[in-house]
Amino acid sequence: MAVDCKVLTAAGNIMISGIYFYHVVMYSVTTILVLYRKDTFHPFFCVLLAFFCLSYALSDFLEMFCTSVQLFGNVEDNVVRIIKKLGELFYVYASPCAILLVVERVVATLYSVQYEQLRPWSLFWIGQVFCVIFAFLVVFCQYWIEFNYNIQQWALLAIQLAILSLRACAEALIPISILVLHPCFKKMINISFRWCQIGKFFCKNKRDSGTMIGGVQISDIYFNNLRVMWNK
């Protein structure tokens, strides 16, 4: 029975390592393609996207390494623990990096003409320092909570709920911001507003469409005004 458990554990580790290997290959290829075609987009977007994919590639590679060494069982637990924490560091780094990607695209959409000529690398590296500090703080807090047995259960639950709430809000705001700030969405709002104005104008002048002012029928004035409003 013990032999069967070892075989199943080994098979599971091999399968998980294969999944991690696939992720490493895909993220690595994506990073190479982004850097190879770096002239296609703004330099900030290319570098941020490359850092984002590379962080996931390194995180999955370290996880694959930790899962693979469990098949041999001759590696110290402290070494595996350090490598896992390093993988978590790269994994957490990807979250603020993704937020910076969204902010960069929003700025590029709102100020497309001015932004394409700008290269404020100082702001870029300040954002990277923020991402690294955030990743270190999150991993350190996880390590502290894991080994601090004196912390109250309610405090731990409150911290977990706060982290989950912030994560849920961030994940919800990202697609909403992309949708609201997208040019197509703005164009749809403008068209809807224009149709409302046309509808109000039509209702207001429909009562007087058959009357005459100075020999000119009101309906002609209405349609001329409607044509001018539509062509704005």
C-alpha atoms as a PDB file:
ATOM      1  CA  MET A   1       0.000   0.000   0.000  1.00  0.00           C
ATOM      2  CA  ALA A   2       2.879   2.374   0.821  1.00  0.00           C
ATOM      3  CA  VAL A   3       4.461   1.625  -2.540  1.00  0.00           C
ATOM      4  CA  ASP A   4       1.227   2.495  -4.320  1.00  0.00           C
ATOM      5  CA  CYS A   5       1.041   5.855  -2.484  1.00  0.00           C
ATOM      6  CA  LYS A   6       4.590   6.670  -3.514  1.00  0.00           C
ATOM      7  CA  VAL A   7       3.834   5.778  -7.106  1.00  0.00           C
ATOM      8  CA  LEU A   8       0.717   7.941  -7.133  1.00  0.00           C
ATOM      9  CA  THR A   9       2.594  10.834  -5.523  1.00  0.00           C
ATOM     10  CA  ALA A  10       5.390  10.542  -8.076  1.00  0.00           C
ATOM     11  CA  ALA A  11       2.911  10.410 -10.946  1.00  0.00           C
ATOM     12  CA  GLY A  12       1.137  13.497  -9.611  1.00  0.00           C
ATOM     13  CA  ASN A  13       4.413  15.384  -9.270  1.00  0.00           C
ATOM     14  CA  ILE A  14       5.410  14.441 -12.810  1.00  0.00           C
ATOM     15  CA  MET A  15       2.066  15.668 -14.147  1.00  0.00           C
ATOM     16  CA  ILE A  16       2.291  18.945 -12.224  1.00  0.00           C
ATOM     17  CA  SER A  17       5.873  19.433 -13.423  1.00  0.00           C
ATOM     18  CA  GLY A  18       4.710  18.913 -17.008  1.00  0.00           C
ATOM     19  CA  ILE A  19       2.014  21.580 -16.570  1.00  0.00           C
ATOM     20  CA  TYR A  20       4.545  24.011 -15.120  1.00  0.00           C
ATOM     21  CA  PHE A  21       6.939  23.233 -17.969  1.00  0.00           C
ATOM     22  CA  TYR A  22       4.256  24.063 -20.514  1.00  0.00           C
ATOM     23  CA  HIS A  23       3.584  27.381 -18.770  1.00  0.00           C
ATOM     24  CA  VAL A  24       7.299  28.192 -18.667  1.00  0.00           C
ATOM     25  CA  VAL A  25       7.648  27.549 -22.391  1.00  0.00           C
ATOM     26  CA  MET A  26       4.598  29.614 -23.329  1.00  0.00           C
ATOM     27  CA  TYR A  27       5.501  32.590 -21.141  1.00  0.00           C
ATOM     28  CA  SER A  28       9.105  32.467 -22.326  1.00  0.00           C
ATOM     29  CA  VAL A  29       8.073  32.405 -25.983  1.00  0.00           C
ATOM     30  CA  THR A  30       5.681  35.301 -25.385  1.00  0.00           C
ATOM     31  CA  THR A  31       8.444  37.308 -23.716  1.00  0.00           C
ATOM     32  CA  ILE A  32      10.816  36.666 -26.612  1.00  0.00           C
ATOM     33  CA  LEU A  33       8.184  37.657 -29.188  1.00  0.00           C
ATOM     34  CA  VAL A  34       7.337  40.863 -27.325  1.00  0.00           C
ATOM     35  CA  LEU A  35      10.990  41.872 -27.138  1.00  0.00           C
ATOM     36  CA  TYR A  36      11.587  40.861 -30.758  1.00  0.00           C
ATOM     37  CA  ARG A  37       8.693  43.054 -31.954  1.00  0.00           C
ATOM     38  CA  LYS A  38       9.391  45.867 -29.487  1.00  0.00           C
ATOM     39  CA  ASP A  39       9.012  48.512 -32.194  1.00  0.00           C
ATOM     40  CA  THR A  40       5.358  47.616 -32.722  1.00  0.00           C
ATOM     41  CA  PHE A  41       4.135  49.194 -29.467  1.00  0.00           C
ATOM     42  CA  HIS A  42       5.239  51.881 -27.067  1.00  0.00           C
ATOM     43  CA  PRO A  43       8.494  50.932 -25.248  1.00  0.00           C
ATOM     44  CA  PHE A  44       6.800  51.103 -21.844  1.00  0.00           C
ATOM     45  CA  PHE A  45       4.126  48.617 -22.885  1.00  0.00           C
ATOM     46  CA  CYS A  46       6.663  46.208 -24.389  1.00  0.00           C
ATOM     47  CA  VAL A  47       8.933  46.261 -21.334  1.00  0.00           C
ATOM     48  CA  LEU A  48       6.042  45.954 -18.872  1.00  0.00           C
ATOM     49  CA  LEU A  49       4.500  43.071 -20.807  1.00  0.00           C
ATOM     50  CA  ALA A  50       7.907  41.362 -21.026  1.00  0.00           C
ATOM     51  CA  PHE A  51       8.439  41.761 -17.262  1.00  0.00           C
ATOM     52  CA  PHE A  52       4.916  40.476 -16.614  1.00  0.00           C
ATOM     53  CA  CYS A  53       5.375  37.314 -18.703  1.00  0.00           C
ATOM     54  CA  LEU A  54       8.923  36.784 -17.440  1.00  0.00           C
ATOM     55  CA  SER A  55       7.790  36.944 -13.804  1.00  0.00           C
ATOM     56  CA  TYR A  56       5.235  34.198 -14.421  1.00  0.00           C
ATOM     57  CA  ALA A  57       7.815  32.159 -16.335  1.00  0.00           C
ATOM     58  CA  LEU A  58      10.320  32.368 -13.472  1.00  0.00           C
ATOM     59  CA  SER A  59       7.635  31.642 -10.882  1.00  0.00           C
ATOM     60  CA  ASP A  60       6.447  28.530 -12.710  1.00  0.00           C
ATOM     61  CA  PHE A  61      10.026  27.421 -13.362  1.00  0.00           C
ATOM     62  CA  LEU A  62      10.865  27.544  -9.640  1.00  0.00           C
ATOM     63  CA  GLU A  63       7.638  25.735  -8.788  1.00  0.00           C
ATOM     64  CA  MET A  64       8.482  23.105 -11.402  1.00  0.00           C
ATOM     65  CA  PHE A  65      11.930  22.735  -9.866  1.00  0.00           C
ATOM     66  CA  CYS A  66      10.510  22.267  -6.342  1.00  0.00           C
ATOM     67  CA  THR A  67       7.980  19.741  -7.591  1.00  0.00           C
ATOM     68  CA  SER A  68      10.625  17.831  -9.542  1.00  0.00           C
ATOM     69  CA  VAL A  69      13.109  17.572  -6.674  1.00  0.00           C
ATOM     70  CA  GLN A  70      10.429  15.911  -4.554  1.00  0.00           C
ATOM     71  CA  LEU A  71      10.766  12.907  -6.844  1.00  0.00           C
ATOM     72  CA  PHE A  72      14.320  12.361  -5.582  1.00  0.00           C
ATOM     73  CA  GLY A  73      13.869  13.315  -1.955  1.00  0.00           C
ATOM     74  CA  ASN A  74      17.537  14.189  -1.352  1.00  0.00           C
ATOM     75  CA  VAL A  75      17.136  17.978  -1.185  1.00  0.00           C
ATOM     76  CA  GLU A  76      16.919  19.786   2.129  1.00  0.00           C
ATOM     77  CA  ASP A  77      13.566  21.234   3.110  1.00  0.00           C
ATOM     78  CA  ASN A  78      15.083  24.648   3.810  1.00  0.00           C
ATOM     79  CA  VAL A  79      16.385  24.882   0.255  1.00  0.00           C
ATOM     80  CA  VAL A  80      12.998  23.950  -1.172  1.00  0.00           C
ATOM     81  CA  ARG A  81      11.283  26.451   1.118  1.00  0.00           C
ATOM     82  CA  ILE A  82      13.599  29.275   0.023  1.00  0.00           C
ATOM     83  CA  ILE A  83      13.061  28.445  -3.650  1.00  0.00           C
ATOM     84  CA  LYS A  84       9.284  28.392  -3.140  1.00  0.00           C
ATOM     85  CA  LYS A  85       9.376  31.795  -1.441  1.00  0.00           C
ATOM     86  CA  LEU A  86      11.416  33.138  -4.336  1.00  0.00           C
ATOM     87  CA  GLY A  87       8.804  31.761  -6.744  1.00  0.00           C
ATOM     88  CA  GLU A  88       6.052  33.426  -4.712  1.00  0.00           C
ATOM     89  CA  LEU A  89       8.003  36.674  -4.942  1.00  0.00           C
ATOM     90  CA  PHE A  90       7.946  36.574  -8.742  1.00  0.00           C
ATOM     91  CA  TYR A  91       4.293  35.522  -8.708  1.00  0.00           C
ATOM     92  CA  VAL A  92       3.187  38.412  -6.465  1.00  0.00           C
ATOM     93  CA  TYR A  93       5.269  40.863  -8.496  1.00  0.00           C
ATOM     94  CA  ALA A  94       3.076  40.141 -11.525  1.00  0.00           C
ATOM     95  CA  SER A  95      -0.067  41.609  -9.882  1.00  0.00           C
ATOM     96  CA  PRO A  96       1.114  45.249  -9.521  1.00  0.00           C
ATOM     97  CA  CYS A  97       2.856  44.886 -12.868  1.00  0.00           C
ATOM     98  CA  ALA A  98      -0.513  44.037 -14.430  1.00  0.00           C
ATOM     99  CA  ILE A  99      -2.013  47.154 -12.831  1.00  0.00           C
ATOM    100  CA  LEU A 100       0.781  49.254 -14.328  1.00  0.00           C
ATOM    101  CA  LEU A 101       0.007  47.700 -17.715  1.00  0.00           C
ATOM    102  CA  VAL A 102      -3.634  48.759 -17.427  1.00  0.00           C
ATOM    103  CA  VAL A 103      -2.669  52.277 -16.321  1.00  0.00           C
ATOM    104  CA  GLU A 104      -0.207  52.549 -19.211  1.00  0.00           C
ATOM    105  CA  ARG A 105      -2.851  51.529 -21.743  1.00  0.00           C
ATOM    106  CA  VAL A 106      -5.404  53.917 -20.251  1.00  0.00           C
ATOM    107  CA  VAL A 107      -2.959  56.825 -20.524  1.00  0.00           C
ATOM    108  CA  ALA A 108      -2.037  55.747 -24.055  1.00  0.00           C
ATOM    109  CA  THR A 109      -5.747  55.740 -24.983  1.00  0.00           C
ATOM    110  CA  LEU A 110      -6.636  59.086 -23.434  1.00  0.00           C
ATOM    111  CA  TYR A 111      -3.503  60.946 -24.534  1.00  0.00           C
ATOM    112  CA  SER A 112      -2.485  59.009 -27.621  1.00  0.00           C
ATOM    113  CA  VAL A 113      -0.869  61.877 -29.532  1.00  0.00           C
ATOM    114  CA  GLN A 114       1.184  63.267 -26.641  1.00  0.00           C
ATOM    115  CA  TYR A 115       2.011  59.907 -25.068  1.00  0.00           C
ATOM    116  CA  GLU A 116       3.584  58.380 -28.169  1.00  0.00           C
ATOM    117  CA  GLN A 117       6.317  61.029 -28.059  1.00  0.00           C
ATOM    118  CA  LEU A 118       7.039  60.712 -24.314  1.00  0.00           C
ATOM    119  CA  ARG A 119       9.658  58.481 -22.683  1.00  0.00           C
ATOM    120  CA  PRO A 120       9.537  59.241 -18.927  1.00  0.00           C
ATOM    121  CA  TRP A 121      11.764  56.367 -17.845  1.00  0.00           C
ATOM    122  CA  SER A 122      12.087  57.780 -14.332  1.00  0.00           C
ATOM    123  CA  LEU A 123       8.368  57.175 -13.727  1.00  0.00           C
ATOM    124  CA  PHE A 124       8.709  53.721 -15.221  1.00  0.00           C
ATOM    125  CA  TRP A 125      11.475  52.683 -12.820  1.00  0.00           C
ATOM    126  CA  ILE A 126       9.624  54.230  -9.872  1.00  0.00           C
ATOM    127  CA  GLY A 127       6.714  51.954 -10.757  1.00  0.00           C
ATOM    128  CA  GLN A 128       9.058  48.961 -10.877  1.00  0.00           C
ATOM    129  CA  VAL A 129      10.441  49.811  -7.442  1.00  0.00           C
ATOM    130  CA  PHE A 130       6.853  49.929  -6.171  1.00  0.00           C
ATOM    131  CA  CYS A 131       6.163  46.480  -7.674  1.00  0.00           C
ATOM    132  CA  VAL A 132       9.265  44.973  -6.048  1.00  0.00           C
ATOM    133  CA  ILE A 133       8.536  46.530  -2.639  1.00  0.00           C
ATOM    134  CA  PHE A 134       4.922  45.335  -2.815  1.00  0.00           C
ATOM    135  CA  ALA A 135       6.040  41.787  -3.646  1.00  0.00           C
ATOM    136  CA  PHE A 136       8.547  41.734  -0.769  1.00  0.00           C
ATOM    137  CA  LEU A 137       5.962  43.058   1.705  1.00  0.00           C
ATOM    138  CA  VAL A 138       3.339  40.496   0.717  1.00  0.00           C
ATOM    139  CA  VAL A 139       5.766  37.551   0.889  1.00  0.00           C
ATOM    140  CA  PHE A 140       7.213  38.788   4.198  1.00  0.00           C
ATOM    141  CA  CYS A 141       3.723  39.144   5.695  1.00  0.00           C
ATOM    142  CA  GLN A 142       2.863  35.630   4.579  1.00  0.00           C
ATOM    143  CA  TYR A 143       6.081  34.316   6.150  1.00  0.00           C
ATOM    144  CA  TRP A 144       5.442  36.230   9.379  1.00  0.00           C
ATOM    145  CA  ILE A 145       1.851  34.997   9.658  1.00  0.00           C
ATOM    146  CA  GLU A 146       2.954  31.438   8.914  1.00  0.00           C
ATOM    147  CA  PHE A 147       5.480  31.298  11.789  1.00  0.00           C
ATOM    148  CA  ASN A 148       3.873  33.649  14.290  1.00  0.00           C
ATOM    149  CA  TYR A 149       1.623  31.367  16.315  1.00  0.00           C
ATOM    150  CA  ASN A 150       0.657  34.095  18.807  1.00  0.00           C
ATOM    151  CA  ILE A 151      -1.412  36.029  16.310  1.00  0.00           C
ATOM    152  CA  GLN A 152      -5.126  35.912  17.035  1.00  0.00           C
ATOM    153  CA  GLN A 153      -7.383  33.995  14.708  1.00  0.00           C
ATOM    154  CA  TRP A 154      -9.726  36.925  14.219  1.00  0.00           C
ATOM    155  CA  ALA A 155      -6.807  39.157  13.180  1.00  0.00           C
ATOM    156  CA  LEU A 156      -5.662  36.564  10.667  1.00  0.00           C
ATOM    157  CA  LEU A 157      -9.200  36.283   9.300  1.00  0.00           C
ATOM    158  CA  ALA A 158      -9.492  40.070   9.026  1.00  0.00           C
ATOM    159  CA  ILE A 159      -6.202  40.302   7.113  1.00  0.00           C
ATOM    160  CA  GLN A 160      -7.250  37.543   4.747  1.00  0.00           C
ATOM    161  CA  LEU A 161     -10.637  39.161   4.133  1.00  0.00           C
ATOM    162  CA  ALA A 162      -8.993  42.534   3.484  1.00  0.00           C
ATOM    163  CA  ILE A 163      -6.562  41.007   1.002  1.00  0.00           C
ATOM    164  CA  LEU A 164      -9.338  39.117  -0.769  1.00  0.00           C
ATOM    165  CA  SER A 165     -11.514  42.249  -0.903  1.00  0.00           C
ATOM    166  CA  LEU A 166      -8.727  44.357  -2.386  1.00  0.00           C
ATOM    167  CA  ARG A 167      -7.949  41.652  -4.908  1.00  0.00           C
ATOM    168  CA  ALA A 168     -11.609  41.312  -5.907  1.00  0.00           C
ATOM    169  CA  CYS A 169     -12.000  45.085  -6.298  1.00  0.00           C
ATOM    170  CA  ALA A 170      -8.843  45.331  -8.386  1.00  0.00           C
ATOM    171  CA  GLU A 171      -9.873  42.441 -10.627  1.00  0.00           C
ATOM    172  CA  ALA A 172     -13.341  43.974 -11.071  1.00  0.00           C
ATOM    173  CA  LEU A 173     -12.130  47.513 -11.767  1.00  0.00           C
ATOM    174  CA  ILE A 174      -9.608  46.489 -14.408  1.00  0.00           C
ATOM    175  CA  PRO A 175     -12.111  45.187 -17.018  1.00  0.00           C
ATOM    176  CA  ILE A 176     -14.630  47.920 -16.131  1.00  0.00           C
ATOM    177  CA  SER A 177     -12.032  50.660 -16.641  1.00  0.00           C
ATOM    178  CA  ILE A 178     -10.961  49.136 -19.952  1.00  0.00           C
ATOM    179  CA  LEU A 179     -14.603  48.990 -21.114  1.00  0.00           C
ATOM    180  CA  VAL A 180     -15.545  52.511 -19.992  1.00  0.00           C
ATOM    181  CA  LEU A 181     -12.410  54.164 -21.361  1.00  0.00           C
ATOM    182  CA  HIS A 182     -12.465  52.307 -24.654  1.00  0.00           C
ATOM    183  CA  PRO A 183     -13.074  54.604 -27.684  1.00  0.00           C
ATOM    184  CA  CYS A 184     -15.892  52.386 -29.003  1.00  0.00           C
ATOM    185  CA  PHE A 185     -17.769  52.689 -25.720  1.00  0.00           C
ATOM    186  CA  LYS A 186     -17.390  56.479 -25.761  1.00  0.00           C
ATOM    187  CA  LYS A 187     -18.619  56.573 -29.359  1.00  0.00           C
ATOM    188  CA  MET A 188     -21.690  54.530 -28.422  1.00  0.00           C
ATOM    189  CA  ILE A 189     -22.480  56.946 -25.578  1.00  0.00           C
ATOM    190  CA  ASN A 190     -22.141  59.937 -27.910  1.00  0.00           C
ATOM    191  CA  ILE A 191     -24.416  58.330 -30.507  1.00  0.00           C
ATOM    192  CA  SER A 192     -27.030  57.490 -27.848  1.00  0.00           C
ATOM    193  CA  PHE A 193     -26.908  61.051 -26.509  1.00  0.00           C
ATOM    194  CA  ARG A 194     -27.269  62.429 -30.038  1.00  0.00           C
ATOM    195  CA  TRP A 195     -30.308  60.230 -30.716  1.00  0.00           C
ATOM    196  CA  CYS A 196     -31.890  61.471 -27.462  1.00  0.00           C
ATOM    197  CA  GLN A 197     -31.390  65.068 -28.588  1.00  0.00           C
ATOM    198  CA  ILE A 198     -32.875  64.276 -31.989  1.00  0.00           C
ATOM    199  CA  GLY A 199     -35.860  62.580 -30.348  1.00  0.00           C
ATOM    200  CA  LYS A 200     -36.516  65.570 -28.082  1.00  0.00           C
ATOM    201  CA  PHE A 201     -36.158  67.930 -31.009  1.00  0.00           C
ATOM    202  CA  PHE A 202     -38.604  65.851 -33.046  1.00  0.00           C
ATOM    203  CA  CYS A 203     -41.210  65.737 -30.260  1.00  0.00           C
ATOM    204  CA  LYS A 204     -40.892  69.455 -29.670  1.00  0.00           C
ATOM    205  CA  ASN A 205     -41.411  70.406 -33.308  1.00  0.00           C
ATOM    206  CA  LYS A 206     -43.869  67.712 -34.343  1.00  0.00           C
ATOM    207  CA  ARG A 207     -46.831  69.787 -33.167  1.00  0.00           C
ATOM    208  CA  ASP A 208     -45.851  72.692 -35.406  1.00  0.00           C
ATOM    209  CA  SER A 209     -44.781  70.690 -38.447  1.00  0.00           C
ATOM    210  CA  GLY A 210     -47.755  71.842 -40.521  1.00  0.00           C
ATOM    211  CA  THR A 211     -47.638  75.569 -39.750  1.00  0.00           C
ATOM    212  CA  MET A 212     -46.081  78.278 -41.882  1.00  0.00           C
ATOM    213  CA  ILE A 213     -43.686  81.036 -40.846  1.00  0.00           C
ATOM    214  CA  GLY A 214     -42.945  83.707 -43.433  1.00  0.00           C
ATOM    215  CA  GLY A 215     -44.060  81.422 -46.232  1.00  0.00           C
ATOM    216  CA  VAL A 216     -41.716  78.597 -45.109  1.00  0.00           C
ATOM    217  CA  GLN A 217     -43.203  75.427 -43.705  1.00  0.00           C
ATOM    218  CA  ILE A 218     -41.986  74.428 -40.217  1.00  0.00           C
ATOM    219  CA  SER A 219     -41.350  70.868 -41.403  1.00  0.00           C
ATOM    220  CA  ASP A 220     -38.693  72.151 -43.808  1.00  0.00           C
ATOM    221  CA  ILE A 221     -37.011  74.095 -41.025  1.00  0.00           C
ATOM    222  CA  TYR A 222     -37.173  71.028 -38.806  1.00  0.00           C
ATOM    223  CA  PHE A 223     -35.541  68.706 -41.320  1.00  0.00           C
ATOM    224  CA  ASN A 224     -32.866  71.280 -42.135  1.00  0.00           C
ATOM    225  CA  ASN A 225     -32.046  71.607 -38.451  1.00  0.00           C
ATOM    226  CA  LEU A 226     -32.077  67.828 -38.116  1.00  0.00           C
ATOM    227  CA  ARG A 227     -29.610  67.523 -40.998  1.00  0.00           C
ATOM    228  CA  VAL A 228     -27.286  70.083 -39.417  1.00  0.00           C
ATOM    229  CA  MET A 229     -27.447  68.354 -36.043  1.00  0.00           C
ATOM    230  CA  TRP A 230     -26.724  64.935 -37.554  1.00  0.00           C
ATOM    231  CA  ASN A 231     -23.711  66.211 -39.497  1.00  0.00           C
ATOM    232  CA  LYS A 232     -22.042  67.729 -36.433  1.00  0.00           C
END
